[in-house]
Amino acid sequence: MDPDADLAAVASLIADRHRAQMLLTLLGGTPQSGSALAEAAGISRSLASAHLKKLVAGGLVHARPSGRQQLYSVASESVADALEILILIAPASKVRSLTDATRVRSLRWARMCYDHLAGAVGVCVTEALIARGLLDEEDGTYRMGASGAAEFGRFGIDLGRLEHGTRPLVRPCLDWSERRYHLAGSLGAALTAAYAERRWTATREASRIVTVTEAGQAGLRDWLGIDLAELRAAA
């Protein structure tokens, strides 16, 4: 037995369906209240509280006070990455209703992957950044393209600040629905935040689903030449 890694301890935390649903909800990147997570998991607030205590004690979830309540989030980017990898190998949940089918389509179209954009839209944006020379792809890694720094600066991204952080500036993240890569790292997070600030995208409480607004469709078309209507038709 390997004395350095107690995988069973982590697996037992994820193995409960209610805890797994709360973790999936938190992959949206937005801190959530216990009541929001209870609703997402379809359980009582008291049962959700018991599950969340286990997730916090196990190091998968972080809790911070916010007024009279606690807000919960995925404990780290490493935890989010591990959960995304498990999604790649996990069987798909059964679709039991039209609502389920609509939710699945929406998740595949555009969603949050911790703090960066994923799904068909996230992959398309990443590939457009590479095609325009803003990012370079080589041997399965990303790096800043020749014109990237200037263009991202014009877009309002402070690369100097990002480069002094502890996270990688750019890295590929395998998209579980598209089976291609989207942009992660601090630049991926900063771009996703910029889309929201410009009202190009919108999210709702306790959901990973991202809605691309009319302004976002126009903005992505003008900035990167992306035609989302064409992309959706092809999908």
C-alpha atoms as a PDB file:
ATOM      1  CA  MET A   1       0.000   0.000   0.000  1.00  0.00           C
ATOM      2  CA  ASP A   2       1.301   3.448  -0.921  1.00  0.00           C
ATOM      3  CA  PRO A   3       1.838   5.304   2.395  1.00  0.00           C
ATOM      4  CA  ASP A   4       1.915   8.725   0.743  1.00  0.00           C
ATOM      5  CA  ALA A   5      -1.589   9.060  -0.723  1.00  0.00           C
ATOM      6  CA  ASP A   6      -4.889   8.059   0.881  1.00  0.00           C
ATOM      7  CA  LEU A   7      -6.964   8.123  -2.289  1.00  0.00           C
ATOM      8  CA  ALA A   8      -9.789   6.283  -0.552  1.00  0.00           C
ATOM      9  CA  ALA A   9     -10.322   9.212   1.814  1.00  0.00           C
ATOM     10  CA  VAL A  10     -10.820  11.617  -1.089  1.00  0.00           C
ATOM     11  CA  ALA A  11     -12.897   9.122  -3.060  1.00  0.00           C
ATOM     12  CA  SER A  12     -15.249   8.597  -0.120  1.00  0.00           C
ATOM     13  CA  LEU A  13     -15.973  12.331  -0.001  1.00  0.00           C
ATOM     14  CA  ILE A  14     -16.940  12.417  -3.682  1.00  0.00           C
ATOM     15  CA  ALA A  15     -18.763   9.074  -3.669  1.00  0.00           C
ATOM     16  CA  ASP A  16     -21.938  10.471  -2.070  1.00  0.00           C
ATOM     17  CA  ARG A  17     -24.261  11.789  -4.816  1.00  0.00           C
ATOM     18  CA  HIS A  18     -25.370  14.808  -2.795  1.00  0.00           C
ATOM     19  CA  ARG A  19     -21.802  15.873  -2.073  1.00  0.00           C
ATOM     20  CA  ALA A  20     -20.862  15.221  -5.699  1.00  0.00           C
ATOM     21  CA  GLN A  21     -23.687  17.483  -6.888  1.00  0.00           C
ATOM     22  CA  MET A  22     -22.572  20.253  -4.557  1.00  0.00           C
ATOM     23  CA  LEU A  23     -19.002  19.952  -5.852  1.00  0.00           C
ATOM     24  CA  LEU A  24     -20.236  20.117  -9.445  1.00  0.00           C
ATOM     25  CA  THR A  25     -22.227  23.234  -8.575  1.00  0.00           C
ATOM     26  CA  LEU A  26     -19.168  24.851  -7.001  1.00  0.00           C
ATOM     27  CA  LEU A  27     -17.196  24.210 -10.198  1.00  0.00           C
ATOM     28  CA  GLY A  28     -19.068  27.242 -11.498  1.00  0.00           C
ATOM     29  CA  GLY A  29     -16.466  29.276  -9.617  1.00  0.00           C
ATOM     30  CA  THR A  30     -18.912  31.499  -7.712  1.00  0.00           C
ATOM     31  CA  PRO A  31     -19.034  31.059  -3.907  1.00  0.00           C
ATOM     32  CA  GLN A  32     -22.420  29.698  -2.857  1.00  0.00           C
ATOM     33  CA  SER A  33     -24.457  29.731   0.334  1.00  0.00           C
ATOM     34  CA  GLY A  34     -25.400  26.522   2.073  1.00  0.00           C
ATOM     35  CA  SER A  35     -29.054  27.045   1.192  1.00  0.00           C
ATOM     36  CA  ALA A  36     -28.220  27.453  -2.521  1.00  0.00           C
ATOM     37  CA  LEU A  37     -26.171  24.255  -2.450  1.00  0.00           C
ATOM     38  CA  ALA A  38     -28.945  22.429  -0.580  1.00  0.00           C
ATOM     39  CA  GLU A  39     -31.384  23.421  -3.310  1.00  0.00           C
ATOM     40  CA  ALA A  40     -28.950  22.391  -6.050  1.00  0.00           C
ATOM     41  CA  ALA A  41     -28.544  18.961  -4.432  1.00  0.00           C
ATOM     42  CA  GLY A  42     -32.261  18.594  -3.698  1.00  0.00           C
ATOM     43  CA  ILE A  43     -31.783  18.064   0.048  1.00  0.00           C
ATOM     44  CA  SER A  44     -32.595  19.833   3.309  1.00  0.00           C
ATOM     45  CA  ARG A  45     -30.421  22.650   4.633  1.00  0.00           C
ATOM     46  CA  SER A  46     -29.454  20.595   7.684  1.00  0.00           C
ATOM     47  CA  LEU A  47     -28.325  17.625   5.597  1.00  0.00           C
ATOM     48  CA  ALA A  48     -26.416  19.947   3.245  1.00  0.00           C
ATOM     49  CA  SER A  49     -24.667  21.471   6.267  1.00  0.00           C
ATOM     50  CA  ALA A  50     -23.510  18.031   7.418  1.00  0.00           C
ATOM     51  CA  HIS A  51     -22.193  17.211   3.953  1.00  0.00           C
ATOM     52  CA  LEU A  52     -20.417  20.563   3.659  1.00  0.00           C
ATOM     53  CA  LYS A  53     -18.679  20.059   7.004  1.00  0.00           C
ATOM     54  CA  LYS A  54     -17.210  16.821   5.644  1.00  0.00           C
ATOM     55  CA  LEU A  55     -16.103  18.483   2.397  1.00  0.00           C
ATOM     56  CA  VAL A  56     -14.446  21.337   4.293  1.00  0.00           C
ATOM     57  CA  ALA A  57     -12.724  18.949   6.732  1.00  0.00           C
ATOM     58  CA  GLY A  58     -11.529  16.866   3.775  1.00  0.00           C
ATOM     59  CA  GLY A  59      -9.936  19.876   2.095  1.00  0.00           C
ATOM     60  CA  LEU A  60     -12.120  19.874  -1.019  1.00  0.00           C
ATOM     61  CA  VAL A  61     -14.200  22.918  -0.109  1.00  0.00           C
ATOM     62  CA  HIS A  62     -13.341  26.238   1.523  1.00  0.00           C
ATOM     63  CA  ALA A  63     -15.799  28.132   3.733  1.00  0.00           C
ATOM     64  CA  ARG A  64     -15.649  31.822   4.587  1.00  0.00           C
ATOM     65  CA  PRO A  65     -17.998  33.929   6.716  1.00  0.00           C
ATOM     66  CA  SER A  66     -20.264  36.397   4.920  1.00  0.00           C
ATOM     67  CA  GLY A  67     -22.516  38.219   7.344  1.00  0.00           C
ATOM     68  CA  ARG A  68     -24.623  35.648   9.168  1.00  0.00           C
ATOM     69  CA  GLN A  69     -23.925  32.855   6.705  1.00  0.00           C
ATOM     70  CA  GLN A  70     -21.026  30.945   5.230  1.00  0.00           C
ATOM     71  CA  LEU A  71     -20.102  31.015   1.571  1.00  0.00           C
ATOM     72  CA  TYR A  72     -18.546  27.895   0.099  1.00  0.00           C
ATOM     73  CA  SER A  73     -16.155  27.470  -2.823  1.00  0.00           C
ATOM     74  CA  VAL A  74     -13.862  24.834  -4.304  1.00  0.00           C
ATOM     75  CA  ALA A  75     -10.777  24.849  -2.096  1.00  0.00           C
ATOM     76  CA  SER A  76      -8.215  25.347  -4.884  1.00  0.00           C
ATOM     77  CA  GLU A  77      -7.551  25.205  -8.596  1.00  0.00           C
ATOM     78  CA  SER A  78      -5.958  21.787  -8.069  1.00  0.00           C
ATOM     79  CA  VAL A  79      -9.202  20.451  -6.613  1.00  0.00           C
ATOM     80  CA  ALA A  80     -11.135  21.907  -9.555  1.00  0.00           C
ATOM     81  CA  ASP A  81      -8.700  20.304 -12.015  1.00  0.00           C
ATOM     82  CA  ALA A  82      -9.065  16.923 -10.305  1.00  0.00           C
ATOM     83  CA  LEU A  83     -12.858  17.127 -10.466  1.00  0.00           C
ATOM     84  CA  GLU A  84     -12.757  18.078 -14.153  1.00  0.00           C
ATOM     85  CA  ILE A  85     -10.540  15.065 -14.892  1.00  0.00           C
ATOM     86  CA  LEU A  86     -13.001  12.799 -13.085  1.00  0.00           C
ATOM     87  CA  ILE A  87     -15.819  14.252 -15.203  1.00  0.00           C
ATOM     88  CA  LEU A  88     -13.886  13.122 -18.296  1.00  0.00           C
ATOM     89  CA  ILE A  89     -14.019   9.484 -17.210  1.00  0.00           C
ATOM     90  CA  ALA A  90     -17.384   9.468 -15.401  1.00  0.00           C
ATOM     91  CA  PRO A  91     -20.449   8.068 -17.198  1.00  0.00           C
ATOM     92  CA  ALA A  92     -23.039  10.619 -18.237  1.00  0.00           C
ATOM     93  CA  SER A  93     -26.032  11.093 -15.956  1.00  0.00           C
ATOM     94  CA  LYS A  94     -29.307   9.783 -17.299  1.00  0.00           C
ATOM     95  CA  VAL A  95     -31.508  12.372 -18.993  1.00  0.00           C
ATOM     96  CA  ARG A  96     -34.979  11.891 -17.517  1.00  0.00           C
ATOM     97  CA  SER A  97     -36.845  14.968 -18.720  1.00  0.00           C
ATOM     98  CA  LEU A  98     -36.904  17.800 -21.211  1.00  0.00           C
ATOM     99  CA  THR A  99     -35.484  20.029 -18.474  1.00  0.00           C
ATOM    100  CA  ASP A 100     -32.517  17.662 -18.061  1.00  0.00           C
ATOM    101  CA  ALA A 101     -31.923  17.609 -21.819  1.00  0.00           C
ATOM    102  CA  THR A 102     -32.007  21.406 -22.020  1.00  0.00           C
ATOM    103  CA  ARG A 103     -29.565  21.697 -19.122  1.00  0.00           C
ATOM    104  CA  VAL A 104     -27.135  19.244 -20.733  1.00  0.00           C
ATOM    105  CA  ARG A 105     -27.204  21.178 -24.019  1.00  0.00           C
ATOM    106  CA  SER A 106     -26.620  24.443 -22.165  1.00  0.00           C
ATOM    107  CA  LEU A 107     -23.677  23.005 -20.218  1.00  0.00           C
ATOM    108  CA  ARG A 108     -22.085  21.730 -23.406  1.00  0.00           C
ATOM    109  CA  TRP A 109     -22.590  25.087 -25.113  1.00  0.00           C
ATOM    110  CA  ALA A 110     -21.001  27.381 -22.494  1.00  0.00           C
ATOM    111  CA  ARG A 111     -20.169  26.852 -18.847  1.00  0.00           C
ATOM    112  CA  MET A 112     -17.733  27.844 -16.141  1.00  0.00           C
ATOM    113  CA  CYS A 113     -14.820  25.507 -15.467  1.00  0.00           C
ATOM    114  CA  TYR A 114     -13.813  26.829 -12.034  1.00  0.00           C
ATOM    115  CA  ASP A 115     -12.992  30.425 -13.064  1.00  0.00           C
ATOM    116  CA  HIS A 116     -12.601  30.199 -16.845  1.00  0.00           C
ATOM    117  CA  LEU A 117     -14.897  29.710 -19.825  1.00  0.00           C
ATOM    118  CA  ALA A 118     -15.475  26.180 -21.126  1.00  0.00           C
ATOM    119  CA  GLY A 119     -17.805  24.314 -23.431  1.00  0.00           C
ATOM    120  CA  ALA A 120     -18.167  24.830 -27.178  1.00  0.00           C
ATOM    121  CA  VAL A 121     -17.854  28.609 -26.779  1.00  0.00           C
ATOM    122  CA  GLY A 122     -14.748  28.378 -24.585  1.00  0.00           C
ATOM    123  CA  VAL A 123     -13.021  26.036 -27.025  1.00  0.00           C
ATOM    124  CA  CYS A 124     -13.972  28.221 -30.000  1.00  0.00           C
ATOM    125  CA  VAL A 125     -12.623  31.357 -28.297  1.00  0.00           C
ATOM    126  CA  THR A 126      -9.348  29.584 -27.467  1.00  0.00           C
ATOM    127  CA  GLU A 127      -8.899  28.335 -31.014  1.00  0.00           C
ATOM    128  CA  ALA A 128      -9.632  31.829 -32.351  1.00  0.00           C
ATOM    129  CA  LEU A 129      -6.961  33.298 -30.036  1.00  0.00           C
ATOM    130  CA  ILE A 130      -4.465  30.800 -31.463  1.00  0.00           C
ATOM    131  CA  ALA A 131      -5.546  31.396 -35.064  1.00  0.00           C
ATOM    132  CA  ARG A 132      -5.018  35.149 -34.642  1.00  0.00           C
ATOM    133  CA  GLY A 133      -1.565  34.731 -33.111  1.00  0.00           C
ATOM    134  CA  LEU A 134      -2.543  35.974 -29.663  1.00  0.00           C
ATOM    135  CA  LEU A 135      -1.600  32.583 -28.261  1.00  0.00           C
ATOM    136  CA  ASP A 136       0.862  30.015 -29.582  1.00  0.00           C
ATOM    137  CA  GLU A 137       0.328  26.282 -29.194  1.00  0.00           C
ATOM    138  CA  GLU A 138       3.347  23.996 -29.213  1.00  0.00           C
ATOM    139  CA  ASP A 139       3.769  20.410 -28.010  1.00  0.00           C
ATOM    140  CA  GLY A 140       0.535  20.516 -26.026  1.00  0.00           C
ATOM    141  CA  THR A 141       1.352  23.740 -24.210  1.00  0.00           C
ATOM    142  CA  TYR A 142       0.289  27.362 -24.622  1.00  0.00           C
ATOM    143  CA  ARG A 143       2.422  30.477 -24.555  1.00  0.00           C
ATOM    144  CA  MET A 144       1.862  34.133 -25.300  1.00  0.00           C
ATOM    145  CA  GLY A 145       1.809  34.928 -29.010  1.00  0.00           C
ATOM    146  CA  ALA A 146       3.789  37.710 -30.646  1.00  0.00           C
ATOM    147  CA  SER A 147       0.841  40.101 -30.681  1.00  0.00           C
ATOM    148  CA  GLY A 148      -0.828  38.757 -27.542  1.00  0.00           C
ATOM    149  CA  ALA A 149       0.511  41.144 -24.908  1.00  0.00           C
ATOM    150  CA  ALA A 150      -0.497  44.277 -26.808  1.00  0.00           C
ATOM    151  CA  GLU A 151      -3.930  42.955 -27.754  1.00  0.00           C
ATOM    152  CA  PHE A 152      -4.791  41.652 -24.286  1.00  0.00           C
ATOM    153  CA  GLY A 153      -3.646  44.995 -22.885  1.00  0.00           C
ATOM    154  CA  ARG A 154      -6.054  46.793 -25.199  1.00  0.00           C
ATOM    155  CA  PHE A 155      -8.744  44.438 -23.968  1.00  0.00           C
ATOM    156  CA  GLY A 156      -8.080  45.632 -20.419  1.00  0.00           C
ATOM    157  CA  ILE A 157      -5.984  42.722 -19.112  1.00  0.00           C
ATOM    158  CA  ASP A 158      -3.009  43.661 -16.906  1.00  0.00           C
ATOM    159  CA  LEU A 159      -0.533  40.959 -17.928  1.00  0.00           C
ATOM    160  CA  GLY A 160       2.171  42.353 -15.658  1.00  0.00           C
ATOM    161  CA  ARG A 161       0.018  41.704 -12.615  1.00  0.00           C
ATOM    162  CA  LEU A 162      -0.922  38.235 -13.824  1.00  0.00           C
ATOM    163  CA  GLU A 163       2.689  37.268 -14.514  1.00  0.00           C
ATOM    164  CA  HIS A 164       3.620  38.049 -10.908  1.00  0.00           C
ATOM    165  CA  GLY A 165       0.967  35.688  -9.552  1.00  0.00           C
ATOM    166  CA  THR A 166       1.467  32.106  -8.453  1.00  0.00           C
ATOM    167  CA  ARG A 167      -0.670  30.529 -11.187  1.00  0.00           C
ATOM    168  CA  PRO A 168       0.543  29.732 -14.702  1.00  0.00           C
ATOM    169  CA  LEU A 169      -0.328  32.573 -17.055  1.00  0.00           C
ATOM    170  CA  VAL A 170      -1.701  30.277 -19.766  1.00  0.00           C
ATOM    171  CA  ARG A 171      -2.330  26.548 -19.855  1.00  0.00           C
ATOM    172  CA  PRO A 172      -4.599  24.188 -21.803  1.00  0.00           C
ATOM    173  CA  CYS A 173      -7.491  22.515 -19.989  1.00  0.00           C
ATOM    174  CA  LEU A 174      -9.124  19.494 -21.630  1.00  0.00           C
ATOM    175  CA  ASP A 175     -12.811  20.187 -22.165  1.00  0.00           C
ATOM    176  CA  TRP A 176     -14.919  17.191 -21.082  1.00  0.00           C
ATOM    177  CA  SER A 177     -17.745  17.864 -23.529  1.00  0.00           C
ATOM    178  CA  GLU A 178     -15.748  18.960 -26.594  1.00  0.00           C
ATOM    179  CA  ARG A 179     -12.720  16.708 -26.023  1.00  0.00           C
ATOM    180  CA  ARG A 180     -10.563  19.616 -27.156  1.00  0.00           C
ATOM    181  CA  TYR A 181      -8.773  22.258 -25.130  1.00  0.00           C
ATOM    182  CA  HIS A 182      -9.894  25.574 -23.736  1.00  0.00           C
ATOM    183  CA  LEU A 183      -7.767  28.265 -22.096  1.00  0.00           C
ATOM    184  CA  ALA A 184      -7.126  28.082 -18.354  1.00  0.00           C
ATOM    185  CA  GLY A 185      -4.539  29.752 -16.126  1.00  0.00           C
ATOM    186  CA  SER A 186      -4.643  33.307 -14.843  1.00  0.00           C
ATOM    187  CA  LEU A 187      -5.194  34.728 -18.346  1.00  0.00           C
ATOM    188  CA  GLY A 188      -8.166  32.427 -18.920  1.00  0.00           C
ATOM    189  CA  ALA A 189      -9.667  33.596 -15.633  1.00  0.00           C
ATOM    190  CA  ALA A 190      -8.979  37.273 -16.388  1.00  0.00           C
ATOM    191  CA  LEU A 191     -10.559  37.049 -19.843  1.00  0.00           C
ATOM    192  CA  THR A 192     -13.633  35.325 -18.429  1.00  0.00           C
ATOM    193  CA  ALA A 193     -13.983  38.054 -15.795  1.00  0.00           C
ATOM    194  CA  ALA A 194     -13.628  40.678 -18.530  1.00  0.00           C
ATOM    195  CA  TYR A 195     -16.448  39.084 -20.540  1.00  0.00           C
ATOM    196  CA  ALA A 196     -18.714  39.333 -17.504  1.00  0.00           C
ATOM    197  CA  GLU A 197     -17.699  42.939 -16.806  1.00  0.00           C
ATOM    198  CA  ARG A 198     -18.516  43.871 -20.400  1.00  0.00           C
ATOM    199  CA  ARG A 199     -21.846  42.018 -20.017  1.00  0.00           C
ATOM    200  CA  TRP A 200     -20.876  39.657 -22.807  1.00  0.00           C
ATOM    201  CA  THR A 201     -21.728  36.744 -20.534  1.00  0.00           C
ATOM    202  CA  ALA A 202     -24.068  36.115 -17.623  1.00  0.00           C
ATOM    203  CA  THR A 203     -24.482  33.373 -15.035  1.00  0.00           C
ATOM    204  CA  ARG A 204     -27.104  32.551 -12.439  1.00  0.00           C
ATOM    205  CA  GLU A 205     -26.869  31.384  -8.847  1.00  0.00           C
ATOM    206  CA  ALA A 206     -25.797  27.804  -8.201  1.00  0.00           C
ATOM    207  CA  SER A 207     -25.273  27.004 -11.871  1.00  0.00           C
ATOM    208  CA  ARG A 208     -22.225  26.502 -14.088  1.00  0.00           C
ATOM    209  CA  ILE A 209     -24.181  27.443 -17.203  1.00  0.00           C
ATOM    210  CA  VAL A 210     -22.993  30.596 -18.987  1.00  0.00           C
ATOM    211  CA  THR A 211     -25.297  32.623 -21.205  1.00  0.00           C
ATOM    212  CA  VAL A 212     -23.653  34.586 -24.006  1.00  0.00           C
ATOM    213  CA  THR A 213     -25.637  37.804 -24.371  1.00  0.00           C
ATOM    214  CA  GLU A 214     -26.412  39.647 -27.602  1.00  0.00           C
ATOM    215  CA  ALA A 215     -23.629  42.066 -26.677  1.00  0.00           C
ATOM    216  CA  GLY A 216     -21.310  39.091 -26.228  1.00  0.00           C
ATOM    217  CA  GLN A 217     -22.203  37.611 -29.588  1.00  0.00           C
ATOM    218  CA  ALA A 218     -21.463  40.957 -31.245  1.00  0.00           C
ATOM    219  CA  GLY A 219     -18.299  41.467 -29.185  1.00  0.00           C
ATOM    220  CA  LEU A 220     -16.818  38.074 -29.991  1.00  0.00           C
ATOM    221  CA  ARG A 221     -17.658  38.544 -33.653  1.00  0.00           C
ATOM    222  CA  ASP A 222     -15.965  41.960 -33.774  1.00  0.00           C
ATOM    223  CA  TRP A 223     -12.953  40.987 -31.647  1.00  0.00           C
ATOM    224  CA  LEU A 224     -12.171  37.455 -32.816  1.00  0.00           C
ATOM    225  CA  GLY A 225     -14.367  36.932 -35.863  1.00  0.00           C
ATOM    226  CA  ILE A 226     -16.452  34.267 -34.086  1.00  0.00           C
ATOM    227  CA  ASP A 227     -19.946  33.649 -35.448  1.00  0.00           C
ATOM    228  CA  LEU A 228     -21.753  31.925 -32.582  1.00  0.00           C
ATOM    229  CA  ALA A 229     -24.933  31.448 -34.623  1.00  0.00           C
ATOM    230  CA  GLU A 230     -22.912  29.487 -37.168  1.00  0.00           C
ATOM    231  CA  LEU A 231     -21.174  27.536 -34.397  1.00  0.00           C
ATOM    232  CA  ARG A 232     -24.493  26.607 -32.776  1.00  0.00           C
ATOM    233  CA  ALA A 233     -25.946  25.523 -36.110  1.00  0.00           C
ATOM    234  CA  ALA A 234     -22.920  23.293 -36.718  1.00  0.00           C
ATOM    235  CA  ALA A 235     -23.221  21.835 -33.216  1.00  0.00           C
END
